[in-house]
Amino acid sequence: MESGGNDLLSELLRPLRLTGVFDSLWRLRAPWAIEGDSEQSCAILHYMVEGDCWISAGDCPPIQLHQGDLAVFPTGTAHRLSDLPGRQGVPLKAVLPQREPGTSGVLVVEGTGDLSRIMCAGLHYDATAATSLYRALPWSLVLDRTQVDQEPLLRDTLASLAAPERRGEPGSQLVTLRAFEMAFVLALRPLLRELSDNPAVLPALRHPGISKALIIVSTRFSEPWTIEALAREVGMSRSAFTATFRELVGEAPARHLTGRRMQEAARLLTETAVPQTAVPPRVGYQSAVGFHLAFRKWFGTTPGEYRGNWPVHKRDRQDVH
């Protein structure tokens, strides 16, 4: 894969930060089937500790997981887990009604058939950090056991997270959050490398002009870009650039640029002690009034109110980026 693709994958992953995790260990004997809800701003992980299971969603062909396989649902698409495809399931909320971030659960289904053990997790992330390219990822991504074993840090992290004895230890909530965050990125990295070689899945990664524009927006958003200037930079006419960008990315280039600037502004306001007056030029706005209006339109609140609603202890350091 070209280096530009690698850069773009890094930029796609970099902004994602988890805000909370609910994880659970499932011990199931056939027959069984669990219907999971659609989750907003939440990625789902299923790690097959023992046995097998089938995953189904809508009209998509069912996917079989074997011991050691890992399934990732980047955008929390509703799906069913079962011992056999097509089996009618019990709603997840009926068997695990309390799934607040920062907590853990255990699900046991008694039966007379084969045993399956699964570690499941809902990884809640800041919705403003999810780019349109991230939201365009397939509903499910699977690493088989061989692929997991090729990533030793991922394999060992998953094994540690699946160990029942880790629950309840001092500081386990924060450790769990960071461990799942690391597992999430470690899993997405090889999956996205593979996807980038398939233009039918992520065509924006393979288009030389659009992929270059995405990298520019991700890394040079503080510069005074216009759509004409972006198109010129990537060697395309304005009309062709705008139409192709919208087709491949799913939104207009102007909105994508604004979204990246707002994402960085929110990070500066909530994660750093950078003065509010210093934020506009750092995200590409020469006018403080223009920034204020754009921020309020994007988030529905002013920059000051946005910062004021964030815990002070989480923004008590100077920005180092």
Protein backbone atom coordinates (compact mmCIF):
# COMPACT_ATOMS: atom_id res chain seq x y z
CA MET A 1 0.00 0.00 0.00
CA GLU A 2 1.22 3.52 -0.75
CA SER A 3 2.56 5.71 2.03
CA GLY A 4 -0.31 8.16 1.49
CA GLY A 5 -2.75 5.39 2.35
CA ASN A 6 -0.83 4.65 5.51
CA ASP A 7 -0.96 8.34 6.47
CA LEU A 8 -4.69 8.46 5.86
CA LEU A 9 -5.31 5.35 7.97
CA SER A 10 -3.31 6.93 10.79
CA GLU A 11 -5.39 10.09 10.58
CA LEU A 12 -8.61 8.06 10.51
CA LEU A 13 -7.66 6.28 13.73
CA ARG A 14 -5.93 9.08 15.60
CA PRO A 15 -8.91 11.19 16.70
CA LEU A 16 -10.94 8.31 18.14
CA ARG A 17 -10.99 8.34 21.94
CA LEU A 18 -13.17 6.13 24.09
CA THR A 19 -15.34 7.78 26.73
CA GLY A 20 -16.48 4.58 28.43
CA VAL A 21 -16.71 0.80 28.11
CA PHE A 22 -19.23 -1.80 29.17
CA ASP A 23 -17.81 -5.31 28.90
CA SER A 24 -19.23 -8.72 29.66
CA LEU A 25 -18.23 -12.37 29.63
CA TRP A 26 -20.72 -14.77 28.07
CA ARG A 27 -20.90 -18.48 28.86
CA LEU A 28 -23.48 -20.15 26.62
CA ARG A 29 -24.55 -23.71 25.94
CA ALA A 30 -26.59 -24.40 22.82
CA PRO A 31 -29.29 -23.69 21.88
CA TRP A 32 -29.02 -19.91 22.28
CA ALA A 33 -29.42 -16.63 20.37
CA ILE A 34 -29.01 -13.02 21.53
CA GLU A 35 -30.36 -9.99 19.65
CA GLY A 36 -28.18 -6.91 20.12
CA ASP A 37 -29.53 -3.38 19.74
CA SER A 38 -28.14 -0.72 17.45
CA GLU A 39 -25.74 1.43 19.47
CA GLN A 40 -25.14 5.12 18.77
CA SER A 41 -21.53 6.41 19.01
CA CYS A 42 -20.46 2.97 20.16
CA ALA A 43 -18.23 0.34 18.61
CA ILE A 44 -18.77 -3.32 19.49
CA LEU A 45 -16.15 -6.03 19.97
CA HIS A 46 -16.78 -9.79 20.18
CA TYR A 47 -13.80 -11.99 21.01
CA MET A 48 -14.37 -15.73 20.72
CA VAL A 49 -12.67 -17.22 23.79
CA GLU A 50 -13.95 -20.77 23.25
CA GLY A 51 -16.21 -22.57 20.81
CA ASP A 52 -18.05 -21.06 17.84
CA CYS A 53 -20.92 -18.73 17.09
CA TRP A 54 -22.74 -17.11 14.17
CA ILE A 55 -23.30 -13.39 13.66
CA SER A 56 -26.20 -12.12 11.52
CA ALA A 57 -27.51 -8.66 10.61
CA GLY A 58 -30.43 -7.89 8.32
CA ASP A 59 -30.02 -9.36 4.86
CA CYS A 60 -26.23 -9.71 5.16
CA PRO A 61 -24.80 -13.24 4.91
CA PRO A 62 -24.13 -14.70 8.39
CA ILE A 63 -20.55 -14.77 9.65
CA GLN A 64 -19.15 -17.67 11.66
CA LEU A 65 -16.63 -17.00 14.40
CA HIS A 66 -14.28 -19.66 15.74
CA GLN A 67 -12.13 -19.74 18.85
CA GLY A 68 -9.58 -16.93 18.76
CA ASP A 69 -11.46 -14.82 16.18
CA LEU A 70 -12.30 -11.17 16.80
CA ALA A 71 -15.27 -9.31 15.29
CA VAL A 72 -15.41 -5.50 15.28
CA PHE A 73 -18.56 -3.45 14.62
CA PRO A 74 -17.20 0.10 14.19
CA THR A 75 -20.55 1.88 14.24
CA GLY A 76 -22.55 -0.41 16.51
CA THR A 77 -24.83 -1.95 13.91
CA ALA A 78 -27.59 -4.12 15.41
CA HIS A 79 -26.84 -7.84 15.03
CA ARG A 80 -27.65 -11.30 16.35
CA LEU A 81 -25.25 -13.80 17.93
CA SER A 82 -26.35 -17.43 17.98
CA ASP A 83 -25.16 -21.01 18.01
CA LEU A 84 -26.84 -21.55 14.62
CA PRO A 85 -27.78 -19.01 11.93
CA GLY A 86 -31.46 -18.17 11.65
CA ARG A 87 -32.34 -18.96 15.26
CA GLN A 88 -34.74 -16.44 16.84
CA GLY A 89 -33.03 -14.55 19.65
CA VAL A 90 -33.71 -13.03 23.04
CA PRO A 91 -33.17 -9.25 23.25
CA LEU A 92 -29.86 -8.37 24.87
CA LYS A 93 -31.58 -5.80 27.09
CA ALA A 94 -33.67 -8.63 28.56
CA VAL A 95 -30.62 -10.62 29.73
CA LEU A 96 -28.22 -7.72 30.38
CA PRO A 97 -30.54 -4.79 31.22
CA GLN A 98 -27.86 -2.65 32.90
CA ARG A 99 -24.97 -1.84 30.56
CA GLU A 100 -23.66 1.47 31.82
CA PRO A 101 -20.15 2.48 30.70
CA GLY A 102 -17.58 1.64 33.34
CA THR A 103 -19.32 -1.54 34.47
CA SER A 104 -18.95 -5.22 33.67
CA GLY A 105 -21.43 -8.05 33.42
CA VAL A 106 -21.77 -11.81 33.10
CA LEU A 107 -24.23 -13.66 30.88
CA VAL A 108 -24.90 -17.37 31.37
CA VAL A 109 -27.22 -19.48 29.21
CA GLU A 110 -27.69 -23.08 30.28
CA GLY A 111 -28.36 -25.69 27.64
CA THR A 112 -27.43 -29.24 26.67
CA GLY A 113 -25.33 -28.45 23.60
CA ASP A 114 -21.81 -27.24 22.87
CA LEU A 115 -20.19 -24.55 25.02
CA SER A 116 -19.28 -21.12 23.68
CA ARG A 117 -17.49 -18.42 25.66
CA ILE A 118 -17.37 -14.85 24.32
CA MET A 119 -15.96 -11.60 25.62
CA CYS A 120 -18.17 -8.73 24.45
CA ALA A 121 -17.65 -5.00 24.85
CA GLY A 122 -19.43 -1.79 23.91
CA LEU A 123 -16.87 0.95 23.35
CA HIS A 124 -18.45 4.39 23.60
CA TYR A 125 -16.62 7.14 21.74
CA ASP A 126 -17.04 10.88 21.25
CA ALA A 127 -19.33 11.21 18.24
CA THR A 128 -17.62 14.43 17.15
CA ALA A 129 -14.37 12.49 16.66
CA ALA A 130 -15.85 10.03 14.17
CA THR A 131 -15.15 11.20 10.63
CA SER A 132 -17.44 10.47 7.70
CA LEU A 133 -14.79 8.06 6.45
CA TYR A 134 -14.95 6.17 9.75
CA ARG A 135 -18.75 6.09 9.61
CA ALA A 136 -18.49 4.63 6.09
CA LEU A 137 -16.68 1.52 7.32
CA PRO A 138 -18.41 -1.83 6.78
CA TRP A 139 -20.91 -2.91 9.43
CA SER A 140 -18.59 -5.70 10.57
CA LEU A 141 -14.88 -6.45 10.32
CA VAL A 142 -13.36 -9.78 11.33
CA LEU A 143 -9.84 -10.84 12.25
CA ASP A 144 -9.49 -14.61 12.33
CA ARG A 145 -7.29 -16.36 14.87
CA THR A 146 -4.28 -16.42 12.55
CA GLN A 147 -4.51 -12.67 11.99
CA VAL A 148 -4.91 -12.02 15.72
CA ASP A 149 -1.86 -14.16 16.46
CA GLN A 150 0.12 -12.06 14.00
CA GLU A 151 -0.50 -9.09 16.30
CA PRO A 152 1.00 -10.34 19.61
CA LEU A 153 0.12 -7.20 21.57
CA LEU A 154 -3.51 -7.44 20.44
CA ARG A 155 -3.64 -11.17 21.20
CA ASP A 156 -2.21 -10.71 24.70
CA THR A 157 -4.44 -7.70 25.44
CA LEU A 158 -7.56 -9.62 24.45
CA ALA A 159 -6.52 -12.61 26.56
CA SER A 160 -5.99 -10.32 29.56
CA LEU A 161 -9.34 -8.59 29.09
CA ALA A 162 -11.11 -11.95 28.82
CA ALA A 163 -9.67 -13.17 32.14
CA PRO A 164 -12.42 -13.18 34.82
CA GLU A 165 -9.94 -12.48 37.65
CA ARG A 166 -9.14 -8.97 36.41
CA ARG A 167 -12.59 -7.68 37.41
CA GLY A 168 -12.86 -5.80 40.68
CA GLU A 169 -9.15 -5.02 41.04
CA PRO A 170 -8.16 -1.49 42.21
CA GLY A 171 -8.21 0.96 39.30
CA SER A 172 -9.66 -1.69 37.02
CA GLN A 173 -12.20 0.70 35.44
CA LEU A 174 -9.54 3.07 34.06
CA VAL A 175 -7.20 0.21 33.14
CA THR A 176 -10.05 -1.54 31.32
CA LEU A 177 -10.94 1.60 29.37
CA ARG A 178 -7.36 2.12 28.20
CA ALA A 179 -6.84 -1.57 27.45
CA PHE A 180 -9.97 -1.73 25.28
CA GLU A 181 -8.95 1.50 23.56
CA MET A 182 -5.61 -0.07 22.71
CA ALA A 183 -7.25 -3.31 21.56
CA PHE A 184 -9.66 -1.33 19.38
CA VAL A 185 -6.87 0.53 17.58
CA LEU A 186 -4.68 -2.58 17.32
CA ALA A 187 -7.59 -4.45 15.72
CA LEU A 188 -8.55 -1.67 13.32
CA ARG A 189 -5.01 -1.16 12.09
CA PRO A 190 -4.61 -4.46 10.17
CA LEU A 191 -8.28 -4.43 9.20
CA LEU A 192 -7.98 -0.98 7.63
CA ARG A 193 -4.73 -1.88 5.92
CA GLU A 194 -6.58 -4.75 4.29
CA LEU A 195 -9.58 -2.58 3.41
CA SER A 196 -7.40 0.09 1.82
CA ASP A 197 -6.33 -2.45 -0.80
CA ASN A 198 -9.96 -3.03 -1.75
CA PRO A 199 -11.24 0.00 -3.69
CA ALA A 200 -14.78 -1.34 -3.59
CA VAL A 201 -14.84 -0.96 0.22
CA LEU A 202 -13.04 2.33 0.83
CA PRO A 203 -12.65 3.93 -2.60
CA ALA A 204 -11.60 7.26 -1.09
CA LEU A 205 -8.36 5.63 0.08
CA ARG A 206 -7.46 4.61 -3.46
CA HIS A 207 -8.31 7.83 -5.30
CA PRO A 208 -5.06 9.86 -5.51
CA GLY A 209 -6.71 13.28 -5.41
CA ILE A 210 -9.36 12.58 -2.77
CA SER A 211 -7.01 10.64 -0.48
CA LYS A 212 -4.52 13.52 -0.65
CA ALA A 213 -7.29 16.00 0.15
CA LEU A 214 -8.37 13.94 3.16
CA ILE A 215 -4.82 13.94 4.51
CA ILE A 216 -4.58 17.71 3.99
CA VAL A 217 -7.84 18.28 5.84
CA SER A 218 -6.75 15.99 8.66
CA THR A 219 -3.29 17.47 9.15
CA ARG A 220 -3.35 21.03 7.74
CA PHE A 221 -6.81 22.20 8.77
CA SER A 222 -5.40 25.38 10.36
CA GLU A 223 -4.42 26.77 6.96
CA PRO A 224 -6.83 29.18 5.18
CA TRP A 225 -8.18 26.66 2.69
CA THR A 226 -10.87 27.34 0.14
CA ILE A 227 -12.42 24.61 -1.99
CA GLU A 228 -10.69 26.09 -5.03
CA ALA A 229 -7.33 25.96 -3.26
CA LEU A 230 -7.89 22.36 -2.12
CA ALA A 231 -8.86 21.29 -5.63
CA ARG A 232 -5.80 23.04 -7.07
CA GLU A 233 -3.54 21.39 -4.46
CA VAL A 234 -4.67 17.90 -5.49
CA GLY A 235 -4.61 18.63 -9.22
CA MET A 236 -8.36 18.62 -9.91
CA SER A 237 -10.89 21.15 -11.17
CA ARG A 238 -13.20 22.58 -8.54
CA SER A 239 -16.30 20.98 -10.01
CA ALA A 240 -14.70 17.53 -10.45
CA PHE A 241 -13.15 17.70 -6.98
CA THR A 242 -16.41 18.65 -5.27
CA ALA A 243 -18.46 16.00 -7.08
CA THR A 244 -15.90 13.21 -6.58
CA PHE A 245 -15.31 14.09 -2.93
CA ARG A 246 -19.03 14.01 -2.18
CA GLU A 247 -19.44 10.70 -4.00
CA LEU A 248 -16.50 8.93 -2.31
CA VAL A 249 -16.58 10.50 1.17
CA GLY A 250 -20.31 11.01 1.59
CA GLU A 251 -20.29 14.76 2.29
CA ALA A 252 -19.15 17.99 0.68
CA PRO A 253 -15.48 18.97 1.12
CA ALA A 254 -16.48 22.21 2.87
CA ARG A 255 -18.45 20.31 5.51
CA HIS A 256 -15.65 17.79 5.94
CA LEU A 257 -13.15 20.60 6.52
CA THR A 258 -15.47 22.33 8.98
CA GLY A 259 -15.98 19.04 10.82
CA ARG A 260 -12.24 18.50 11.23
CA ARG A 261 -11.77 22.05 12.49
CA MET A 262 -14.63 21.70 14.96
CA GLN A 263 -13.23 18.36 16.12
CA GLU A 264 -9.91 19.98 16.94
CA ALA A 265 -11.58 23.00 18.55
CA ALA A 266 -13.58 20.70 20.83
CA ARG A 267 -10.39 18.85 21.77
CA LEU A 268 -8.56 22.07 22.62
CA LEU A 269 -11.47 23.32 24.72
CA THR A 270 -12.00 20.10 26.67
CA GLU A 271 -8.60 18.46 26.89
CA THR A 272 -6.22 21.41 27.22
CA ALA A 273 -5.84 24.72 29.04
CA VAL A 274 -5.23 26.68 25.85
CA PRO A 275 -6.97 30.08 26.23
CA GLN A 276 -10.27 30.25 24.40
CA THR A 277 -9.07 33.30 22.44
CA ALA A 278 -6.18 31.23 21.05
CA VAL A 279 -8.42 28.51 19.64
CA PRO A 280 -9.77 30.16 16.43
CA PRO A 281 -6.40 30.64 14.64
CA ARG A 282 -5.30 27.17 15.64
CA VAL A 283 -8.25 25.66 13.79
CA GLY A 284 -8.18 27.81 10.68
CA TYR A 285 -10.30 30.83 11.63
CA GLN A 286 -8.83 34.33 11.39
CA SER A 287 -12.02 35.85 12.81
CA ALA A 288 -13.08 35.07 16.37
CA VAL A 289 -16.66 35.99 15.45
CA GLY A 290 -16.60 33.63 12.45
CA PHE A 291 -15.30 30.83 14.66
CA HIS A 292 -17.93 31.52 17.34
CA LEU A 293 -20.75 31.38 14.80
CA ALA A 294 -19.41 28.22 13.14
CA PHE A 295 -18.91 26.48 16.51
CA ARG A 296 -22.41 27.35 17.69
CA LYS A 297 -23.95 26.14 14.44
CA TRP A 298 -22.01 22.86 14.65
CA PHE A 299 -22.47 22.02 18.34
CA GLY A 300 -25.57 24.04 19.26
CA THR A 301 -23.69 25.88 22.02
CA THR A 302 -20.98 28.50 22.37
CA PRO A 303 -17.28 27.63 22.85
CA GLY A 304 -17.39 29.05 26.37
CA GLU A 305 -20.44 27.01 27.35
CA TYR A 306 -18.90 23.90 25.76
CA ARG A 307 -15.73 24.30 27.81
CA GLY A 308 -17.65 25.17 30.96
CA ASN A 309 -19.59 21.91 30.82
CA TRP A 310 -16.37 19.87 30.81
CA PRO A 311 -14.73 18.76 34.11
CA VAL A 312 -11.89 21.15 34.96
CA HIS A 313 -9.49 18.34 35.93
CA LYS A 314 -9.62 16.98 32.40
CA ARG A 315 -8.29 20.21 30.88
CA ASP A 316 -5.68 21.27 33.42
CA ARG A 317 -2.68 20.87 31.10
CA GLN A 318 -1.24 22.88 28.24
CA ASP A 319 -1.65 21.49 24.78
CA VAL A 320 1.40 19.66 23.48
CA HIS A 321 0.23 18.91 19.93
